[in-house]
Amino acid sequence: MKTNLYFAAFLLLVSVSFISCSTLNLDSLQIATAKEIGNTKTEDVNIYDIDRGATAVHWKAKSPSGCYECDADLEGKTVKSVRNVNCVNVECDSLGREK
């Protein structure tokens, strides 16, 4: 009986941890990237290769103006937004993929 209780508690902890880690959404990265790049609509930014750490997030983005590698600090306890965004333009191939 104790084993089942411990297992249930473990599953609950894992579920809550997963939900809290996934609160950073794609929209917030698209908005942050479009603002950092400038002269770009949010919907024109494609985000991929997201690497979220405990205090920062790194991602790659493609827009009509080129390819970018970006990073930012995670903001707040719920980590729904980013701050100190930095995007660096990187070279793309003819298909718009980073070289």
PDB file of N, CA and C in Angstrom:
ATOM      1  N   MET A   1       0.815  -1.195   0.000  1.00  0.00           N
ATOM      2  CA  MET A   1       0.000   0.000   0.000  1.00  0.00           C
ATOM      3  C   MET A   1       0.863   1.265   0.000  1.00  0.00           C
ATOM      4  N   LYS A   2       1.942   1.259   0.819  1.00  0.00           N
ATOM      5  CA  LYS A   2       2.837   2.418   0.869  1.00  0.00           C
ATOM      6  C   LYS A   2       3.509   2.641  -0.481  1.00  0.00           C
ATOM      7  N   THR A   3       3.848   1.553  -1.162  1.00  0.00           N
ATOM      8  CA  THR A   3       4.494   1.662  -2.469  1.00  0.00           C
ATOM      9  C   THR A   3       3.582   2.379  -3.453  1.00  0.00           C
ATOM     10  N   ASN A   4       2.310   2.044  -3.465  1.00  0.00           N
ATOM     11  CA  ASN A   4       1.347   2.697  -4.360  1.00  0.00           C
ATOM     12  C   ASN A   4       1.210   4.181  -4.030  1.00  0.00           C
ATOM     13  N   LEU A   5       1.216   4.516  -2.738  1.00  0.00           N
ATOM     14  CA  LEU A   5       1.114   5.912  -2.323  1.00  0.00           C
ATOM     15  C   LEU A   5       2.343   6.700  -2.758  1.00  0.00           C
ATOM     16  N   TYR A   6       3.536   6.106  -2.578  1.00  0.00           N
ATOM     17  CA  TYR A   6       4.767   6.771  -3.011  1.00  0.00           C
ATOM     18  C   TYR A   6       4.793   6.953  -4.527  1.00  0.00           C
ATOM     19  N   PHE A   7       4.337   5.936  -5.248  1.00  0.00           N
ATOM     20  CA  PHE A   7       4.307   6.021  -6.700  1.00  0.00           C
ATOM     21  C   PHE A   7       3.350   7.116  -7.170  1.00  0.00           C
ATOM     22  N   ALA A   8       2.182   7.202  -6.542  1.00  0.00           N
ATOM     23  CA  ALA A   8       1.210   8.242  -6.892  1.00  0.00           C
ATOM     24  C   ALA A   8       1.772   9.632  -6.598  1.00  0.00           C
ATOM     25  N   ALA A   9       2.453   9.784  -5.464  1.00  0.00           N
ATOM     26  CA  ALA A   9       3.063  11.068  -5.116  1.00  0.00           C
ATOM     27  C   ALA A   9       4.154  11.432  -6.120  1.00  0.00           C
ATOM     28  N   PHE A  10       4.925  10.443  -6.535  1.00  0.00           N
ATOM     29  CA  PHE A  10       5.982  10.674  -7.523  1.00  0.00           C
ATOM     30  C   PHE A  10       5.388  11.132  -8.853  1.00  0.00           C
ATOM     31  N   LEU A  11       4.334  10.455  -9.306  1.00  0.00           N
ATOM     32  CA  LEU A  11       3.687  10.845 -10.565  1.00  0.00           C
ATOM     33  C   LEU A  11       3.128  12.259 -10.503  1.00  0.00           C
ATOM     34  N   LEU A  12       2.544  12.612  -9.377  1.00  0.00           N
ATOM     35  CA  LEU A  12       2.014  13.961  -9.203  1.00  0.00           C
ATOM     36  C   LEU A  12       3.130  14.995  -9.268  1.00  0.00           C
ATOM     37  N   LEU A  13       4.250  14.732  -8.616  1.00  0.00           N
ATOM     38  CA  LEU A  13       5.391  15.647  -8.629  1.00  0.00           C
ATOM     39  C   LEU A  13       5.948  15.812 -10.034  1.00  0.00           C
ATOM     40  N   VAL A  14       6.088  14.714 -10.753  1.00  0.00           N
ATOM     41  CA  VAL A  14       6.596  14.778 -12.127  1.00  0.00           C
ATOM     42  C   VAL A  14       5.639  15.564 -13.016  1.00  0.00           C
ATOM     43  N   SER A  15       4.343  15.347 -12.873  1.00  0.00           N
ATOM     44  CA  SER A  15       3.348  16.056 -13.680  1.00  0.00           C
ATOM     45  C   SER A  15       3.384  17.555 -13.429  1.00  0.00           C
ATOM     46  N   VAL A  16       3.449  17.952 -12.170  1.00  0.00           N
ATOM     47  CA  VAL A  16       3.499  19.370 -11.826  1.00  0.00           C
ATOM     48  C   VAL A  16       4.792  19.992 -12.340  1.00  0.00           C
ATOM     49  N   SER A  17       5.902  19.289 -12.223  1.00  0.00           N
ATOM     50  CA  SER A  17       7.180  19.802 -12.724  1.00  0.00           C
ATOM     51  C   SER A  17       7.138  19.990 -14.227  1.00  0.00           C
ATOM     52  N   PHE A  18       6.565  19.029 -14.934  1.00  0.00           N
ATOM     53  CA  PHE A  18       6.484  19.125 -16.387  1.00  0.00           C
ATOM     54  C   PHE A  18       5.623  20.298 -16.812  1.00  0.00           C
ATOM     55  N   ILE A  19       4.502  20.485 -16.171  1.00  0.00           N
ATOM     56  CA  ILE A  19       3.602  21.587 -16.510  1.00  0.00           C
ATOM     57  C   ILE A  19       4.284  22.921 -16.245  1.00  0.00           C
ATOM     58  N   SER A  20       4.980  23.065 -15.125  1.00  0.00           N
ATOM     59  CA  SER A  20       5.623  24.339 -14.807  1.00  0.00           C
ATOM     60  C   SER A  20       6.790  24.625 -15.740  1.00  0.00           C
ATOM     61  N   CYS A  21       7.468  23.595 -16.219  1.00  0.00           N
ATOM     62  CA  CYS A  21       8.582  23.803 -17.142  1.00  0.00           C
ATOM     63  C   CYS A  21       8.107  24.191 -18.534  1.00  0.00           C
ATOM     64  N   SER A  22       6.892  23.845 -18.864  1.00  0.00           N
ATOM     65  CA  SER A  22       6.415  24.101 -20.211  1.00  0.00           C
ATOM     66  C   SER A  22       5.611  25.392 -20.321  1.00  0.00           C
ATOM     67  N   THR A  23       5.653  26.248 -19.292  1.00  0.00           N
ATOM     68  CA  THR A  23       4.857  27.465 -19.348  1.00  0.00           C
ATOM     69  C   THR A  23       5.419  28.496 -20.322  1.00  0.00           C
ATOM     70  N   LEU A  24       6.692  28.391 -20.670  1.00  0.00           N
ATOM     71  CA  LEU A  24       7.256  29.282 -21.676  1.00  0.00           C
ATOM     72  C   LEU A  24       6.706  28.833 -23.026  1.00  0.00           C
ATOM     73  N   ASN A  25       5.927  29.686 -23.657  1.00  0.00           N
ATOM     74  CA  ASN A  25       5.301  29.245 -24.896  1.00  0.00           C
ATOM     75  C   ASN A  25       5.980  29.832 -26.121  1.00  0.00           C
ATOM     76  N   LEU A  26       5.670  29.237 -27.235  1.00  0.00           N
ATOM     77  CA  LEU A  26       6.263  29.626 -28.512  1.00  0.00           C
ATOM     78  C   LEU A  26       5.928  31.064 -28.865  1.00  0.00           C
ATOM     79  N   ASP A  27       4.712  31.508 -28.545  1.00  0.00           N
ATOM     80  CA  ASP A  27       4.303  32.881 -28.850  1.00  0.00           C
ATOM     81  C   ASP A  27       5.222  33.909 -28.204  1.00  0.00           C
ATOM     82  N   SER A  28       5.594  33.679 -26.944  1.00  0.00           N
ATOM     83  CA  SER A  28       6.454  34.656 -26.270  1.00  0.00           C
ATOM     84  C   SER A  28       7.833  34.727 -26.930  1.00  0.00           C
ATOM     85  N   LEU A  29       8.342  33.603 -27.430  1.00  0.00           N
ATOM     86  CA  LEU A  29       9.632  33.628 -28.133  1.00  0.00           C
ATOM     87  C   LEU A  29       9.503  34.297 -29.496  1.00  0.00           C
ATOM     88  N   GLN A  30       8.384  34.080 -30.181  1.00  0.00           N
ATOM     89  CA  GLN A  30       8.164  34.749 -31.467  1.00  0.00           C
ATOM     90  C   GLN A  30       8.080  36.264 -31.282  1.00  0.00           C
ATOM     91  N   ILE A  31       7.345  36.700 -30.276  1.00  0.00           N
ATOM     92  CA  ILE A  31       7.205  38.138 -30.012  1.00  0.00           C
ATOM     93  C   ILE A  31       8.558  38.743 -29.664  1.00  0.00           C
ATOM     94  N   ALA A  32       9.295  38.090 -28.769  1.00  0.00           N
ATOM     95  CA  ALA A  32      10.603  38.597 -28.347  1.00  0.00           C
ATOM     96  C   ALA A  32      11.578  38.664 -29.524  1.00  0.00           C
ATOM     97  N   THR A  33      11.544  37.645 -30.381  1.00  0.00           N
ATOM     98  CA  THR A  33      12.443  37.620 -31.535  1.00  0.00           C
ATOM     99  C   THR A  33      12.093  38.719 -32.528  1.00  0.00           C
ATOM    100  N   ALA A  34      10.809  38.882 -32.824  1.00  0.00           N
ATOM    101  CA  ALA A  34      10.384  39.922 -33.767  1.00  0.00           C
ATOM    102  C   ALA A  34      10.779  41.308 -33.261  1.00  0.00           C
ATOM    103  N   LYS A  35      10.627  41.554 -31.968  1.00  0.00           N
ATOM    104  CA  LYS A  35      11.026  42.852 -31.401  1.00  0.00           C
ATOM    105  C   LYS A  35      12.529  43.050 -31.497  1.00  0.00           C
ATOM    106  N   GLU A  36      13.293  42.012 -31.214  1.00  0.00           N
ATOM    107  CA  GLU A  36      14.753  42.115 -31.248  1.00  0.00           C
ATOM    108  C   GLU A  36      15.271  42.319 -32.671  1.00  0.00           C
ATOM    109  N   ILE A  37      14.704  41.599 -33.628  1.00  0.00           N
ATOM    110  CA  ILE A  37      15.126  41.741 -35.029  1.00  0.00           C
ATOM    111  C   ILE A  37      14.714  43.099 -35.571  1.00  0.00           C
ATOM    112  N   GLY A  38      13.486  43.511 -35.268  1.00  0.00           N
ATOM    113  CA  GLY A  38      12.963  44.777 -35.769  1.00  0.00           C
ATOM    114  C   GLY A  38      12.390  44.637 -37.167  1.00  0.00           C
ATOM    115  N   ASN A  39      11.398  45.450 -37.485  1.00  0.00           N
ATOM    116  CA  ASN A  39      10.743  45.450 -38.800  1.00  0.00           C
ATOM    117  C   ASN A  39      10.296  44.064 -39.247  1.00  0.00           C
ATOM    118  N   THR A  40       9.818  43.265 -38.298  1.00  0.00           N
ATOM    119  CA  THR A  40       9.382  41.906 -38.599  1.00  0.00           C
ATOM    120  C   THR A  40       8.074  41.624 -37.864  1.00  0.00           C
ATOM    121  N   LYS A  41       7.113  41.050 -38.573  1.00  0.00           N
ATOM    122  CA  LYS A  41       5.853  40.653 -37.948  1.00  0.00           C
ATOM    123  C   LYS A  41       6.082  39.383 -37.133  1.00  0.00           C
ATOM    124  N   THR A  42       5.415  39.306 -36.005  1.00  0.00           N
ATOM    125  CA  THR A  42       5.537  38.134 -35.141  1.00  0.00           C
ATOM    126  C   THR A  42       5.218  36.845 -35.889  1.00  0.00           C
ATOM    127  N   GLU A  43       4.168  36.866 -36.693  1.00  0.00           N
ATOM    128  CA  GLU A  43       3.754  35.659 -37.403  1.00  0.00           C
ATOM    129  C   GLU A  43       4.734  35.234 -38.499  1.00  0.00           C
ATOM    130  N   ASP A  44       5.678  36.103 -38.866  1.00  0.00           N
ATOM    131  CA  ASP A  44       6.684  35.771 -39.869  1.00  0.00           C
ATOM    132  C   ASP A  44       7.931  35.115 -39.271  1.00  0.00           C
ATOM    133  N   VAL A  45       7.952  34.970 -37.946  1.00  0.00           N
ATOM    134  CA  VAL A  45       9.101  34.381 -37.257  1.00  0.00           C
ATOM    135  C   VAL A  45       8.812  32.913 -36.951  1.00  0.00           C
ATOM    136  N   ASN A  46       9.697  32.040 -37.414  1.00  0.00           N
ATOM    137  CA  ASN A  46       9.600  30.605 -37.111  1.00  0.00           C
ATOM    138  C   ASN A  46      10.665  30.264 -36.074  1.00  0.00           C
ATOM    139  N   ILE A  47      10.233  29.693 -34.963  1.00  0.00           N
ATOM    140  CA  ILE A  47      11.123  29.347 -33.861  1.00  0.00           C
ATOM    141  C   ILE A  47      11.372  27.840 -33.889  1.00  0.00           C
ATOM    142  N   TYR A  48      12.627  27.435 -33.650  1.00  0.00           N
ATOM    143  CA  TYR A  48      12.949  26.012 -33.581  1.00  0.00           C
ATOM    144  C   TYR A  48      14.180  25.809 -32.706  1.00  0.00           C
ATOM    145  N   ASP A  49      14.461  24.574 -32.388  1.00  0.00           N
ATOM    146  CA  ASP A  49      15.638  24.186 -31.604  1.00  0.00           C
ATOM    147  C   ASP A  49      15.705  24.939 -30.272  1.00  0.00           C
ATOM    148  N   ILE A  50      14.642  24.858 -29.497  1.00  0.00           N
ATOM    149  CA  ILE A  50      14.564  25.562 -28.205  1.00  0.00           C
ATOM    150  C   ILE A  50      15.282  24.742 -27.142  1.00  0.00           C
ATOM    151  N   ASP A  51      16.159  25.403 -26.399  1.00  0.00           N
ATOM    152  CA  ASP A  51      16.900  24.769 -25.307  1.00  0.00           C
ATOM    153  C   ASP A  51      16.667  25.592 -24.050  1.00  0.00           C
ATOM    154  N   ARG A  52      15.776  25.120 -23.196  1.00  0.00           N
ATOM    155  CA  ARG A  52      15.407  25.852 -21.994  1.00  0.00           C
ATOM    156  C   ARG A  52      16.208  25.341 -20.816  1.00  0.00           C
ATOM    157  N   GLY A  53      16.898  26.263 -20.139  1.00  0.00           N
ATOM    158  CA  GLY A  53      17.620  25.935 -18.921  1.00  0.00           C
ATOM    159  C   GLY A  53      16.865  26.449 -17.712  1.00  0.00           C
ATOM    160  N   ALA A  54      17.514  26.433 -16.555  1.00  0.00           N
ATOM    161  CA  ALA A  54      16.877  26.875 -15.316  1.00  0.00           C
ATOM    162  C   ALA A  54      16.674  28.384 -15.285  1.00  0.00           C
ATOM    163  N   THR A  55      17.612  29.140 -15.848  1.00  0.00           N
ATOM    164  CA  THR A  55      17.527  30.600 -15.780  1.00  0.00           C
ATOM    165  C   THR A  55      17.561  31.286 -17.138  1.00  0.00           C
ATOM    166  N   ALA A  56      17.788  30.512 -18.198  1.00  0.00           N
ATOM    167  CA  ALA A  56      17.903  31.114 -19.533  1.00  0.00           C
ATOM    168  C   ALA A  56      17.338  30.159 -20.583  1.00  0.00           C
ATOM    169  N   VAL A  57      17.084  30.721 -21.740  1.00  0.00           N
ATOM    170  CA  VAL A  57      16.595  29.927 -22.864  1.00  0.00           C
ATOM    171  C   VAL A  57      17.363  30.334 -24.116  1.00  0.00           C
ATOM    172  N   HIS A  58      17.666  29.344 -24.963  1.00  0.00           N
ATOM    173  CA  HIS A  58      18.353  29.568 -26.239  1.00  0.00           C
ATOM    174  C   HIS A  58      17.476  28.974 -27.334  1.00  0.00           C
ATOM    175  N   TRP A  59      17.423  29.634 -28.483  1.00  0.00           N
ATOM    176  CA  TRP A  59      16.616  29.129 -29.588  1.00  0.00           C
ATOM    177  C   TRP A  59      17.152  29.662 -30.901  1.00  0.00           C
ATOM    178  N   LYS A  60      16.666  29.077 -31.975  1.00  0.00           N
ATOM    179  CA  LYS A  60      16.998  29.528 -33.322  1.00  0.00           C
ATOM    180  C   LYS A  60      15.718  30.020 -33.969  1.00  0.00           C
ATOM    181  N   ALA A  61      15.867  30.984 -34.851  1.00  0.00           N
ATOM    182  CA  ALA A  61      14.707  31.570 -35.503  1.00  0.00           C
ATOM    183  C   ALA A  61      15.009  31.834 -36.974  1.00  0.00           C
ATOM    184  N   LYS A  62      13.949  31.761 -37.769  1.00  0.00           N
ATOM    185  CA  LYS A  62      14.028  32.089 -39.191  1.00  0.00           C
ATOM    186  C   LYS A  62      12.955  33.115 -39.483  1.00  0.00           C
ATOM    187  N   SER A  63      13.343  34.181 -40.162  1.00  0.00           N
ATOM    188  CA  SER A  63      12.396  35.208 -40.574  1.00  0.00           C
ATOM    189  C   SER A  63      12.709  35.584 -42.020  1.00  0.00           C
ATOM    190  N   PRO A  64      11.868  36.400 -42.645  1.00  0.00           N
ATOM    191  CA  PRO A  64      12.171  36.824 -44.015  1.00  0.00           C
ATOM    192  C   PRO A  64      13.521  37.552 -44.130  1.00  0.00           C
ATOM    193  N   SER A  65      13.983  38.125 -43.023  1.00  0.00           N
ATOM    194  CA  SER A  65      15.259  38.847 -43.067  1.00  0.00           C
ATOM    195  C   SER A  65      16.467  37.963 -42.789  1.00  0.00           C
ATOM    196  N   GLY A  66      16.257  36.680 -42.474  1.00  0.00           N
ATOM    197  CA  GLY A  66      17.388  35.778 -42.278  1.00  0.00           C
ATOM    198  C   GLY A  66      17.216  34.814 -41.123  1.00  0.00           C
ATOM    199  N   CYS A  67      18.315  34.166 -40.776  1.00  0.00           N
ATOM    200  CA  CYS A  67      18.345  33.201 -39.674  1.00  0.00           C
ATOM    201  C   CYS A  67      19.029  33.840 -38.470  1.00  0.00           C
ATOM    202  N   TYR A  68      18.591  33.436 -37.281  1.00  0.00           N
ATOM    203  CA  TYR A  68      19.107  34.031 -36.049  1.00  0.00           C
ATOM    204  C   TYR A  68      19.311  32.971 -34.980  1.00  0.00           C
ATOM    205  N   GLU A  69      20.308  33.185 -34.153  1.00  0.00           N
ATOM    206  CA  GLU A  69      20.488  32.430 -32.921  1.00  0.00           C
ATOM    207  C   GLU A  69      20.202  33.404 -31.801  1.00  0.00           C
ATOM    208  N   CYS A  70      19.296  33.027 -30.907  1.00  0.00           N
ATOM    209  CA  CYS A  70      18.849  33.939 -29.858  1.00  0.00           C
ATOM    210  C   CYS A  70      19.012  33.318 -28.484  1.00  0.00           C
ATOM    211  N   ASP A  71      19.111  34.184 -27.494  1.00  0.00           N
ATOM    212  CA  ASP A  71      19.096  33.742 -26.103  1.00  0.00           C
ATOM    213  C   ASP A  71      18.471  34.837 -25.258  1.00  0.00           C
ATOM    214  N   ALA A  72      17.991  34.451 -24.096  1.00  0.00           N
ATOM    215  CA  ALA A  72      17.352  35.401 -23.187  1.00  0.00           C
ATOM    216  C   ALA A  72      17.324  34.814 -21.785  1.00  0.00           C
ATOM    217  N   ASP A  73      17.151  35.695 -20.817  1.00  0.00           N
ATOM    218  CA  ASP A  73      16.951  35.281 -19.436  1.00  0.00           C
ATOM    219  C   ASP A  73      15.473  34.984 -19.238  1.00  0.00           C
ATOM    220  N   LEU A  74      15.186  33.988 -18.418  1.00  0.00           N
ATOM    221  CA  LEU A  74      13.794  33.692 -18.075  1.00  0.00           C
ATOM    222  C   LEU A  74      13.363  34.643 -16.978  1.00  0.00           C
ATOM    223  N   GLU A  75      12.136  35.124 -17.073  1.00  0.00           N
ATOM    224  CA  GLU A  75      11.641  36.149 -16.153  1.00  0.00           C
ATOM    225  C   GLU A  75      10.503  35.622 -15.297  1.00  0.00           C
ATOM    226  N   GLY A  76      10.603  35.846 -14.008  1.00  0.00           N
ATOM    227  CA  GLY A  76       9.518  35.509 -13.088  1.00  0.00           C
ATOM    228  C   GLY A  76       9.499  34.056 -12.673  1.00  0.00           C
ATOM    229  N   LYS A  77       8.741  33.790 -11.630  1.00  0.00           N
ATOM    230  CA  LYS A  77       8.642  32.433 -11.108  1.00  0.00           C
ATOM    231  C   LYS A  77       7.874  31.515 -12.040  1.00  0.00           C
ATOM    232  N   THR A  78       6.915  32.050 -12.775  1.00  0.00           N
ATOM    233  CA  THR A  78       6.143  31.222 -13.688  1.00  0.00           C
ATOM    234  C   THR A  78       6.811  31.077 -15.043  1.00  0.00           C
ATOM    235  N   VAL A  79       7.841  31.842 -15.317  1.00  0.00           N
ATOM    236  CA  VAL A  79       8.636  31.746 -16.529  1.00  0.00           C
ATOM    237  C   VAL A  79       7.782  31.809 -17.787  1.00  0.00           C
ATOM    238  N   LYS A  80       6.884  32.773 -17.832  1.00  0.00           N
ATOM    239  CA  LYS A  80       6.043  32.928 -19.010  1.00  0.00           C
ATOM    240  C   LYS A  80       6.622  33.919 -20.004  1.00  0.00           C
ATOM    241  N   SER A  81       7.657  34.641 -19.614  1.00  0.00           N
ATOM    242  CA  SER A  81       8.236  35.624 -20.522  1.00  0.00           C
ATOM    243  C   SER A  81       9.752  35.639 -20.385  1.00  0.00           C
ATOM    244  N   VAL A  82      10.376  36.364 -21.298  1.00  0.00           N
ATOM    245  CA  VAL A  82      11.832  36.454 -21.330  1.00  0.00           C
ATOM    246  C   VAL A  82      12.260  37.913 -21.266  1.00  0.00           C
ATOM    247  N   ARG A  83      13.494  38.139 -20.868  1.00  0.00           N
ATOM    248  CA  ARG A  83      14.056  39.494 -20.843  1.00  0.00           C
ATOM    249  C   ARG A  83      15.503  39.412 -21.290  1.00  0.00           C
ATOM    250  N   ASN A  84      16.086  40.556 -21.563  1.00  0.00           N
ATOM    251  CA  ASN A  84      17.468  40.626 -22.047  1.00  0.00           C
ATOM    252  C   ASN A  84      17.666  39.739 -23.280  1.00  0.00           C
ATOM    253  N   VAL A  85      16.798  39.914 -24.243  1.00  0.00           N
ATOM    254  CA  VAL A  85      16.843  39.103 -25.466  1.00  0.00           C
ATOM    255  C   VAL A  85      17.993  39.569 -26.346  1.00  0.00           C
ATOM    256  N   ASN A  86      18.722  38.601 -26.885  1.00  0.00           N
ATOM    257  CA  ASN A  86      19.819  38.893 -27.798  1.00  0.00           C
ATOM    258  C   ASN A  86      19.737  37.919 -28.965  1.00  0.00           C
ATOM    259  N   CYS A  87      19.615  38.463 -30.182  1.00  0.00           N
ATOM    260  CA  CYS A  87      19.570  37.638 -31.391  1.00  0.00           C
ATOM    261  C   CYS A  87      20.711  38.051 -32.312  1.00  0.00           C
ATOM    262  N   VAL A  88      21.430  37.056 -32.804  1.00  0.00           N
ATOM    263  CA  VAL A  88      22.555  37.294 -33.703  1.00  0.00           C
ATOM    264  C   VAL A  88      22.223  36.700 -35.062  1.00  0.00           C
ATOM    265  N   ASN A  89      22.383  37.503 -36.108  1.00  0.00           N
ATOM    266  CA  ASN A  89      22.124  37.041 -37.464  1.00  0.00           C
ATOM    267  C   ASN A  89      23.208  36.047 -37.855  1.00  0.00           C
ATOM    268  N   VAL A  90      22.783  34.878 -38.347  1.00  0.00           N
ATOM    269  CA  VAL A  90      23.717  33.850 -38.806  1.00  0.00           C
ATOM    270  C   VAL A  90      23.419  33.535 -40.268  1.00  0.00           C
ATOM    271  N   GLU A  91      24.390  32.976 -40.951  1.00  0.00           N
ATOM    272  CA  GLU A  91      24.257  32.695 -42.374  1.00  0.00           C
ATOM    273  C   GLU A  91      23.280  31.544 -42.619  1.00  0.00           C
ATOM    274  N   CYS A  92      22.442  31.703 -43.646  1.00  0.00           N
ATOM    275  CA  CYS A  92      21.476  30.674 -44.052  1.00  0.00           C
ATOM    276  C   CYS A  92      21.846  30.142 -45.427  1.00  0.00           C
ATOM    277  N   ASP A  93      21.427  28.895 -45.702  1.00  0.00           N
ATOM    278  CA  ASP A  93      21.599  28.375 -47.056  1.00  0.00           C
ATOM    279  C   ASP A  93      20.415  28.820 -47.922  1.00  0.00           C
ATOM    280  N   SER A  94      20.361  28.353 -49.150  1.00  0.00           N
ATOM    281  CA  SER A  94      19.315  28.805 -50.075  1.00  0.00           C
ATOM    282  C   SER A  94      17.909  28.376 -49.642  1.00  0.00           C
ATOM    283  N   LEU A  95      17.809  27.371 -48.772  1.00  0.00           N
ATOM    284  CA  LEU A  95      16.501  26.926 -48.286  1.00  0.00           C
ATOM    285  C   LEU A  95      16.122  27.601 -46.984  1.00  0.00           C
ATOM    286  N   GLY A  96      16.963  28.533 -46.532  1.00  0.00           N
ATOM    287  CA  GLY A  96      16.667  29.243 -45.306  1.00  0.00           C
ATOM    288  C   GLY A  96      17.101  28.520 -44.058  1.00  0.00           C
ATOM    289  N   ARG A  97      17.914  27.478 -44.201  1.00  0.00           N
ATOM    290  CA  ARG A  97      18.420  26.750 -43.052  1.00  0.00           C
ATOM    291  C   ARG A  97      19.776  27.309 -42.653  1.00  0.00           C
ATOM    292  N   GLU A  98      20.032  27.271 -41.368  1.00  0.00           N
ATOM    293  CA  GLU A  98      21.313  27.757 -40.854  1.00  0.00           C
ATOM    294  C   GLU A  98      22.452  26.881 -41.376  1.00  0.00           C
ATOM    295  N   LYS A  99      23.544  27.529 -41.791  1.00  0.00           N
ATOM    296  CA  LYS A  99      24.721  26.761 -42.270  1.00  0.00           C
ATOM    297  C   LYS A  99      25.566  26.315 -41.121  1.00  0.00           C
TER     298      LYS A  99
END
